[in-house]
């Protein structure tokens, strides 16, 4: 009986995503430059440009700088969700992000904060949901007939 319970617990644990486990651990997730650029649907070169040219700044003018691993000048950058959100706000203040784009990126950040899957998996799930909703609506409309 105990072994059956342990097997069930193991099966339940296997269904939890890595991101959910990390979110539950109350760890601050870190993202690479490429992953961070994906939040914005931009290239990592765009991100490098914004940091190099001083485009990403806090309202007081202080540059937004992610933590570096290894060498302080040439080490890999590690972005956290608060840093990603600050970059978004700076881009919006500058007019580089449109209001609709702002909402889209904020949703991505929120999904990540809640322990959602990485962007590609979350967006694939959302796209499947939208396709199902549209198909359901189309089927219901076909059954009822067009309205005038």
N, C-alpha and C. Protein backbone atom coordinates (compact mmCIF):
# COMPACT_ATOMS: atom_id res chain seq x y z
N UNK A 1 0.83 -1.20 0.00
CA UNK A 1 0.00 0.00 0.00
C UNK A 1 0.87 1.27 0.00
N UNK A 2 1.92 1.28 0.82
CA UNK A 2 2.80 2.43 0.88
C UNK A 2 3.48 2.65 -0.46
N UNK A 3 3.91 1.55 -1.12
CA UNK A 3 4.59 1.69 -2.40
C UNK A 3 3.64 2.23 -3.47
N UNK A 4 2.36 1.87 -3.39
CA UNK A 4 1.39 2.40 -4.35
C UNK A 4 1.24 3.91 -4.15
N UNK A 5 1.19 4.34 -2.90
CA UNK A 5 1.07 5.77 -2.60
C UNK A 5 2.29 6.52 -3.12
N UNK A 6 3.47 5.96 -2.89
CA UNK A 6 4.69 6.61 -3.37
C UNK A 6 4.69 6.70 -4.88
N UNK A 7 4.23 5.64 -5.57
CA UNK A 7 4.14 5.66 -7.02
C UNK A 7 3.19 6.74 -7.51
N UNK A 8 2.09 6.92 -6.83
CA UNK A 8 1.13 7.97 -7.20
C UNK A 8 1.75 9.34 -7.01
N UNK A 9 2.46 9.52 -5.90
CA UNK A 9 3.10 10.81 -5.63
C UNK A 9 4.16 11.10 -6.69
N UNK A 10 4.96 10.09 -7.05
CA UNK A 10 5.96 10.27 -8.10
C UNK A 10 5.31 10.67 -9.42
N UNK A 11 4.18 10.03 -9.74
CA UNK A 11 3.48 10.36 -10.99
C UNK A 11 2.96 11.79 -10.95
N UNK A 12 2.46 12.23 -9.79
CA UNK A 12 1.96 13.60 -9.66
C UNK A 12 3.10 14.60 -9.79
N UNK A 13 4.23 14.28 -9.20
CA UNK A 13 5.39 15.18 -9.26
C UNK A 13 5.88 15.32 -10.70
N UNK A 14 5.83 14.23 -11.46
CA UNK A 14 6.30 14.27 -12.85
C UNK A 14 5.46 15.18 -13.73
N UNK A 15 4.23 15.49 -13.32
CA UNK A 15 3.37 16.36 -14.15
C UNK A 15 3.63 17.84 -13.90
N UNK A 16 4.39 18.18 -12.88
CA UNK A 16 4.68 19.57 -12.57
C UNK A 16 5.82 20.05 -13.46
N UNK A 17 5.63 21.19 -14.11
CA UNK A 17 6.68 21.71 -14.99
C UNK A 17 7.86 22.22 -14.18
N UNK A 18 8.99 22.31 -14.84
CA UNK A 18 10.20 22.83 -14.18
C UNK A 18 9.96 24.25 -13.68
N UNK A 19 9.28 25.06 -14.50
CA UNK A 19 9.03 26.45 -14.13
C UNK A 19 8.14 26.54 -12.89
N UNK A 20 7.13 25.64 -12.79
CA UNK A 20 6.27 25.63 -11.61
C UNK A 20 7.06 25.25 -10.36
N UNK A 21 7.94 24.26 -10.50
CA UNK A 21 8.77 23.87 -9.37
C UNK A 21 9.65 25.03 -8.90
N UNK A 22 10.26 25.73 -9.85
CA UNK A 22 11.12 26.85 -9.49
C UNK A 22 10.32 27.99 -8.88
N UNK A 23 9.13 28.26 -9.42
CA UNK A 23 8.28 29.33 -8.87
C UNK A 23 7.86 28.98 -7.44
N UNK A 24 7.52 27.73 -7.20
CA UNK A 24 7.13 27.30 -5.86
C UNK A 24 8.29 27.37 -4.88
N UNK A 25 9.50 27.26 -5.38
CA UNK A 25 10.69 27.32 -4.52
C UNK A 25 11.02 28.75 -4.12
N UNK A 26 10.28 29.71 -4.65
CA UNK A 26 10.48 31.13 -4.36
C UNK A 26 11.89 31.58 -4.73
N UNK A 27 12.36 31.09 -5.87
CA UNK A 27 13.65 31.50 -6.40
C UNK A 27 13.42 32.58 -7.45
N UNK A 28 14.37 33.46 -7.58
CA UNK A 28 14.28 34.46 -8.63
C UNK A 28 14.83 33.84 -9.91
N UNK A 29 13.94 33.65 -10.88
CA UNK A 29 14.36 33.03 -12.13
C UNK A 29 15.26 33.98 -12.92
N UNK A 30 16.20 33.39 -13.63
CA UNK A 30 17.12 34.18 -14.45
C UNK A 30 16.96 33.77 -15.91
N UNK A 31 17.17 34.73 -16.80
CA UNK A 31 17.00 34.53 -18.22
C UNK A 31 18.26 34.99 -18.94
N UNK A 32 18.58 34.30 -20.02
CA UNK A 32 19.73 34.69 -20.84
C UNK A 32 19.35 35.91 -21.68
N UNK A 33 20.31 36.45 -22.38
CA UNK A 33 20.05 37.58 -23.27
C UNK A 33 19.05 37.18 -24.36
N UNK A 34 19.24 36.01 -24.93
CA UNK A 34 18.33 35.55 -25.99
C UNK A 34 16.92 35.35 -25.45
N UNK A 35 16.80 34.71 -24.29
CA UNK A 35 15.47 34.50 -23.69
C UNK A 35 14.80 35.83 -23.37
N UNK A 36 15.58 36.78 -22.89
CA UNK A 36 15.03 38.10 -22.57
C UNK A 36 14.54 38.80 -23.83
N UNK A 37 15.31 38.73 -24.90
CA UNK A 37 14.91 39.35 -26.16
C UNK A 37 13.60 38.73 -26.66
N UNK A 38 13.38 37.45 -26.40
CA UNK A 38 12.15 36.78 -26.82
C UNK A 38 10.91 37.38 -26.16
N UNK A 39 11.04 37.89 -24.95
CA UNK A 39 9.91 38.55 -24.30
C UNK A 39 9.40 39.70 -25.17
N UNK A 40 10.33 40.35 -25.87
CA UNK A 40 10.03 41.54 -26.66
C UNK A 40 9.84 41.26 -28.15
N UNK A 41 9.96 39.99 -28.56
CA UNK A 41 9.94 39.62 -29.98
C UNK A 41 11.03 40.38 -30.74
N UNK A 42 12.17 40.50 -30.11
CA UNK A 42 13.30 41.20 -30.72
C UNK A 42 14.53 40.29 -30.67
N UNK A 43 15.58 40.71 -31.34
CA UNK A 43 16.83 39.94 -31.33
C UNK A 43 17.66 40.31 -30.11
N UNK A 44 18.61 39.45 -29.79
CA UNK A 44 19.50 39.79 -28.68
C UNK A 44 20.37 40.99 -29.05
N UNK A 45 20.57 41.23 -30.35
CA UNK A 45 21.33 42.41 -30.78
C UNK A 45 20.59 43.69 -30.41
N UNK A 46 19.26 43.67 -30.47
CA UNK A 46 18.45 44.82 -30.05
C UNK A 46 18.70 45.10 -28.57
N UNK A 47 18.74 44.04 -27.79
CA UNK A 47 18.97 44.19 -26.35
C UNK A 47 20.38 44.74 -26.09
N UNK A 48 21.38 44.19 -26.78
CA UNK A 48 22.74 44.71 -26.64
C UNK A 48 22.80 46.19 -27.01
N UNK A 49 22.14 46.56 -28.11
CA UNK A 49 22.12 47.95 -28.56
C UNK A 49 21.53 48.85 -27.49
N UNK A 50 20.38 48.46 -26.93
CA UNK A 50 19.72 49.29 -25.93
C UNK A 50 20.57 49.50 -24.69
N UNK A 51 21.29 48.46 -24.29
CA UNK A 51 22.16 48.60 -23.11
C UNK A 51 23.40 49.41 -23.43
N UNK A 52 23.99 49.15 -24.58
CA UNK A 52 25.22 49.87 -24.98
C UNK A 52 24.97 51.35 -25.18
N UNK A 53 23.84 51.71 -25.77
CA UNK A 53 23.54 53.11 -26.10
C UNK A 53 22.83 53.85 -24.97
N UNK A 54 22.60 53.18 -23.85
CA UNK A 54 21.94 53.84 -22.73
C UNK A 54 20.46 54.09 -22.96
N UNK A 55 19.83 53.25 -23.76
CA UNK A 55 18.41 53.39 -24.08
C UNK A 55 17.56 52.92 -22.89
N UNK A 56 18.01 51.87 -22.23
CA UNK A 56 17.25 51.29 -21.12
C UNK A 56 17.70 51.93 -19.81
N UNK A 57 16.91 52.90 -19.35
CA UNK A 57 17.23 53.61 -18.12
C UNK A 57 15.99 53.70 -17.24
N UNK A 58 16.23 53.78 -15.94
CA UNK A 58 15.16 54.02 -14.98
C UNK A 58 14.69 55.48 -15.12
N UNK A 59 13.53 55.83 -14.58
CA UNK A 59 13.04 57.21 -14.72
C UNK A 59 14.04 58.28 -14.24
N UNK A 60 14.91 57.93 -13.29
CA UNK A 60 15.89 58.92 -12.81
C UNK A 60 17.13 59.01 -13.70
N UNK A 61 17.15 58.20 -14.80
CA UNK A 61 18.29 58.24 -15.72
C UNK A 61 19.35 57.20 -15.45
N UNK A 62 19.24 56.45 -14.36
CA UNK A 62 20.21 55.40 -14.04
C UNK A 62 20.07 54.27 -15.05
N UNK A 63 21.18 53.80 -15.61
CA UNK A 63 21.10 52.70 -16.58
C UNK A 63 20.59 51.40 -15.94
N UNK A 64 19.78 50.67 -16.68
CA UNK A 64 19.31 49.36 -16.24
C UNK A 64 20.39 48.37 -16.65
N UNK A 65 21.01 47.75 -15.66
CA UNK A 65 22.10 46.82 -15.95
C UNK A 65 21.84 45.48 -15.27
N UNK A 66 21.76 44.42 -16.07
CA UNK A 66 21.59 43.10 -15.47
C UNK A 66 22.88 42.64 -14.81
N UNK A 67 22.74 41.68 -13.93
CA UNK A 67 23.91 41.09 -13.25
C UNK A 67 24.74 40.35 -14.29
N UNK A 68 26.05 40.30 -14.06
CA UNK A 68 26.93 39.54 -14.96
C UNK A 68 27.54 38.37 -14.19
N UNK A 69 27.73 37.29 -14.90
CA UNK A 69 28.37 36.10 -14.33
C UNK A 69 29.79 36.07 -14.84
N UNK A 70 30.73 35.90 -13.94
CA UNK A 70 32.13 35.88 -14.34
C UNK A 70 32.69 37.29 -14.37
N UNK A 71 33.33 37.63 -15.46
CA UNK A 71 33.97 38.93 -15.66
C UNK A 71 32.92 40.05 -15.63
N UNK A 72 33.19 41.11 -14.86
CA UNK A 72 32.24 42.22 -14.72
C UNK A 72 31.96 42.96 -16.02
N UNK A 73 32.90 42.92 -16.95
CA UNK A 73 32.69 43.64 -18.21
C UNK A 73 32.31 42.72 -19.37
N UNK A 74 32.78 41.49 -19.35
CA UNK A 74 32.54 40.60 -20.48
C UNK A 74 31.80 39.32 -20.12
N UNK A 75 31.40 39.19 -18.86
CA UNK A 75 30.69 37.98 -18.45
C UNK A 75 29.28 37.92 -19.01
N UNK A 76 28.70 36.72 -18.96
CA UNK A 76 27.33 36.55 -19.45
C UNK A 76 26.36 37.35 -18.59
N UNK A 77 25.37 37.95 -19.23
CA UNK A 77 24.35 38.72 -18.50
C UNK A 77 23.27 37.78 -18.00
N UNK A 78 22.75 38.08 -16.82
CA UNK A 78 21.64 37.33 -16.23
C UNK A 78 20.51 38.30 -15.96
N UNK A 79 19.41 38.10 -16.63
CA UNK A 79 18.26 38.99 -16.49
C UNK A 79 17.23 38.35 -15.56
N UNK A 80 16.66 39.16 -14.69
CA UNK A 80 15.58 38.71 -13.83
C UNK A 80 14.29 39.35 -14.34
N UNK A 81 13.16 38.88 -13.85
CA UNK A 81 11.89 39.46 -14.30
C UNK A 81 11.76 40.94 -13.93
N UNK A 82 12.22 41.37 -12.74
CA UNK A 82 12.18 42.82 -12.47
C UNK A 82 13.02 43.64 -13.47
N UNK A 83 14.15 43.11 -13.89
CA UNK A 83 14.98 43.80 -14.89
C UNK A 83 14.27 43.83 -16.24
N UNK A 84 13.65 42.71 -16.61
CA UNK A 84 12.92 42.65 -17.88
C UNK A 84 11.76 43.65 -17.86
N UNK A 85 11.06 43.72 -16.73
CA UNK A 85 9.95 44.67 -16.60
C UNK A 85 10.48 46.11 -16.69
N UNK A 86 11.63 46.39 -16.08
CA UNK A 86 12.21 47.74 -16.13
C UNK A 86 12.60 48.12 -17.57
N UNK A 87 13.14 47.15 -18.31
CA UNK A 87 13.49 47.40 -19.72
C UNK A 87 12.22 47.71 -20.52
N UNK A 88 11.16 46.99 -20.23
CA UNK A 88 9.88 47.24 -20.91
C UNK A 88 9.38 48.66 -20.61
N UNK A 89 9.41 49.05 -19.35
CA UNK A 89 8.95 50.38 -18.98
C UNK A 89 9.80 51.47 -19.65
N UNK A 90 11.11 51.25 -19.69
CA UNK A 90 11.99 52.23 -20.33
C UNK A 90 11.68 52.33 -21.82
N UNK A 91 11.46 51.19 -22.45
CA UNK A 91 11.13 51.19 -23.88
C UNK A 91 9.80 51.87 -24.13
N UNK A 92 8.85 51.66 -23.25
CA UNK A 92 7.53 52.29 -23.40
C UNK A 92 7.63 53.81 -23.20
N UNK A 93 8.39 54.24 -22.19
CA UNK A 93 8.57 55.68 -21.94
C UNK A 93 9.18 56.37 -23.15
N UNK A 94 10.08 55.66 -23.84
CA UNK A 94 10.75 56.22 -25.02
C UNK A 94 9.89 56.17 -26.26
N UNK A 95 8.79 55.44 -26.22
CA UNK A 95 7.93 55.30 -27.39
C UNK A 95 8.35 54.16 -28.31
N UNK A 96 9.24 53.29 -27.84
CA UNK A 96 9.70 52.16 -28.66
C UNK A 96 8.73 50.98 -28.61
N UNK A 97 7.78 51.01 -27.69
CA UNK A 97 6.81 49.94 -27.53
C UNK A 97 5.41 50.56 -27.58
N UNK A 98 4.59 50.04 -28.47
CA UNK A 98 3.21 50.51 -28.61
C UNK A 98 2.34 49.93 -27.48
N UNK A 99 1.21 50.57 -27.16
CA UNK A 99 0.35 50.08 -26.07
C UNK A 99 -0.06 48.61 -26.21
N UNK A 100 -0.42 48.16 -27.40
CA UNK A 100 -0.81 46.75 -27.58
C UNK A 100 0.37 45.82 -27.34
N UNK A 101 1.53 46.23 -27.82
CA UNK A 101 2.76 45.46 -27.61
C UNK A 101 3.09 45.41 -26.11
N UNK A 102 2.88 46.53 -25.42
CA UNK A 102 3.11 46.62 -23.98
C UNK A 102 2.28 45.56 -23.26
N UNK A 103 1.00 45.48 -23.59
CA UNK A 103 0.11 44.50 -22.93
C UNK A 103 0.56 43.07 -23.21
N UNK A 104 0.97 42.82 -24.44
CA UNK A 104 1.42 41.48 -24.83
C UNK A 104 2.66 41.07 -24.02
N UNK A 105 3.60 41.97 -23.90
CA UNK A 105 4.85 41.67 -23.17
C UNK A 105 4.56 41.55 -21.67
N UNK A 106 3.68 42.41 -21.14
CA UNK A 106 3.31 42.30 -19.72
C UNK A 106 2.67 40.94 -19.43
N UNK A 107 1.87 40.44 -20.36
CA UNK A 107 1.27 39.11 -20.17
C UNK A 107 2.36 38.04 -20.12
N UNK A 108 3.34 38.15 -20.98
CA UNK A 108 4.44 37.18 -20.98
C UNK A 108 5.18 37.21 -19.64
N UNK A 109 5.44 38.41 -19.15
CA UNK A 109 6.13 38.54 -17.87
C UNK A 109 5.29 37.93 -16.75
N UNK A 110 4.00 38.21 -16.78
CA UNK A 110 3.09 37.69 -15.74
C UNK A 110 3.03 36.17 -15.77
N UNK A 111 2.98 35.59 -16.96
CA UNK A 111 2.99 34.12 -17.08
C UNK A 111 4.26 33.56 -16.45
N UNK A 112 5.38 34.20 -16.73
CA UNK A 112 6.66 33.75 -16.16
C UNK A 112 6.65 33.90 -14.64
N UNK A 113 6.09 35.00 -14.13
CA UNK A 113 6.02 35.21 -12.68
C UNK A 113 5.18 34.15 -11.99
N UNK A 114 4.14 33.69 -12.67
CA UNK A 114 3.25 32.69 -12.09
C UNK A 114 3.77 31.27 -12.26
N UNK A 115 4.95 31.15 -12.82
CA UNK A 115 5.53 29.83 -12.99
C UNK A 115 5.09 29.15 -14.25
N UNK A 116 4.59 29.93 -15.20
CA UNK A 116 4.16 29.36 -16.47
C UNK A 116 5.32 28.82 -17.25
N UNK A 117 5.00 28.12 -18.31
CA UNK A 117 6.03 27.54 -19.16
C UNK A 117 6.83 28.66 -19.82
N UNK A 118 7.96 28.29 -20.36
CA UNK A 118 8.74 29.26 -21.12
C UNK A 118 7.89 29.76 -22.28
N UNK A 119 8.26 30.83 -22.89
CA UNK A 119 7.41 31.52 -23.86
C UNK A 119 6.87 30.63 -24.96
N UNK A 120 7.70 29.84 -25.59
CA UNK A 120 7.21 29.05 -26.71
C UNK A 120 6.12 28.08 -26.30
N UNK A 121 6.25 27.44 -25.15
CA UNK A 121 5.25 26.50 -24.68
C UNK A 121 3.97 27.22 -24.27
N UNK A 122 4.09 28.33 -23.59
CA UNK A 122 2.91 29.09 -23.14
C UNK A 122 2.16 29.64 -24.34
N UNK A 123 2.88 30.17 -25.30
CA UNK A 123 2.22 30.73 -26.47
C UNK A 123 1.57 29.64 -27.32
N UNK A 124 2.18 28.46 -27.39
CA UNK A 124 1.58 27.35 -28.13
C UNK A 124 0.27 26.93 -27.46
N UNK A 125 0.28 26.88 -26.12
CA UNK A 125 -0.94 26.51 -25.39
C UNK A 125 -2.02 27.56 -25.59
N UNK A 126 -1.64 28.84 -25.57
CA UNK A 126 -2.61 29.90 -25.77
C UNK A 126 -3.17 29.85 -27.19
N UNK A 127 -2.32 29.61 -28.16
CA UNK A 127 -2.77 29.51 -29.56
C UNK A 127 -3.74 28.36 -29.72
N UNK A 128 -3.47 27.22 -29.09
CA UNK A 128 -4.39 26.08 -29.16
C UNK A 128 -5.73 26.44 -28.53
N UNK A 129 -5.69 27.18 -27.41
CA UNK A 129 -6.92 27.61 -26.76
C UNK A 129 -7.74 28.51 -27.69
N UNK A 130 -7.08 29.46 -28.35
CA UNK A 130 -7.77 30.38 -29.26
C UNK A 130 -8.38 29.61 -30.43
N UNK A 131 -7.62 28.68 -31.00
CA UNK A 131 -8.13 27.89 -32.13
C UNK A 131 -9.36 27.10 -31.70
N UNK A 132 -9.31 26.49 -30.51
CA UNK A 132 -10.47 25.74 -30.01
C UNK A 132 -11.67 26.65 -29.81
N UNK A 133 -11.44 27.83 -29.25
CA UNK A 133 -12.54 28.78 -29.00
C UNK A 133 -13.17 29.24 -30.31
N UNK A 134 -12.35 29.51 -31.30
CA UNK A 134 -12.86 29.95 -32.59
C UNK A 134 -13.64 28.82 -33.26
N UNK A 135 -13.11 27.60 -33.18
CA UNK A 135 -13.80 26.45 -33.78
C UNK A 135 -15.13 26.21 -33.09
N UNK A 136 -15.18 26.32 -31.77
CA UNK A 136 -16.42 26.13 -31.02
C UNK A 136 -17.44 27.19 -31.41
N UNK A 137 -16.99 28.42 -31.49
CA UNK A 137 -17.90 29.51 -31.88
C UNK A 137 -18.42 29.31 -33.29
N UNK A 138 -17.56 28.87 -34.19
CA UNK A 138 -17.98 28.63 -35.57
C UNK A 138 -19.00 27.51 -35.64
N UNK A 139 -18.79 26.45 -34.86
CA UNK A 139 -19.72 25.33 -34.85
C UNK A 139 -21.07 25.75 -34.28
N UNK A 140 -21.05 26.55 -33.22
CA UNK A 140 -22.30 27.03 -32.63
C UNK A 140 -23.05 27.94 -33.59
N UNK A 141 -22.36 28.78 -34.31
CA UNK A 141 -22.96 29.68 -35.28
C UNK A 141 -23.58 28.88 -36.43
N UNK A 142 -22.88 27.83 -36.86
CA UNK A 142 -23.39 26.99 -37.96
C UNK A 142 -24.67 26.28 -37.55
N UNK A 143 -24.77 25.85 -36.28
CA UNK A 143 -25.97 25.16 -35.79
C UNK A 143 -27.16 26.10 -35.72
N UNK A 144 -26.94 27.32 -35.30
CA UNK A 144 -28.01 28.29 -35.12
C UNK A 144 -28.34 28.96 -36.45
N UNK A 145 -27.38 29.14 -37.27
CA UNK A 145 -27.58 29.83 -38.54
C UNK A 145 -27.19 31.29 -38.39
N UNK A 146 -27.03 31.97 -39.50
CA UNK A 146 -26.59 33.37 -39.43
C UNK A 146 -27.67 34.26 -38.80
N UNK A 147 -27.21 35.27 -38.09
CA UNK A 147 -28.14 36.24 -37.49
C UNK A 147 -28.16 37.48 -38.35
N UNK A 148 -29.30 38.14 -38.35
CA UNK A 148 -29.43 39.36 -39.15
C UNK A 148 -29.70 40.54 -38.29
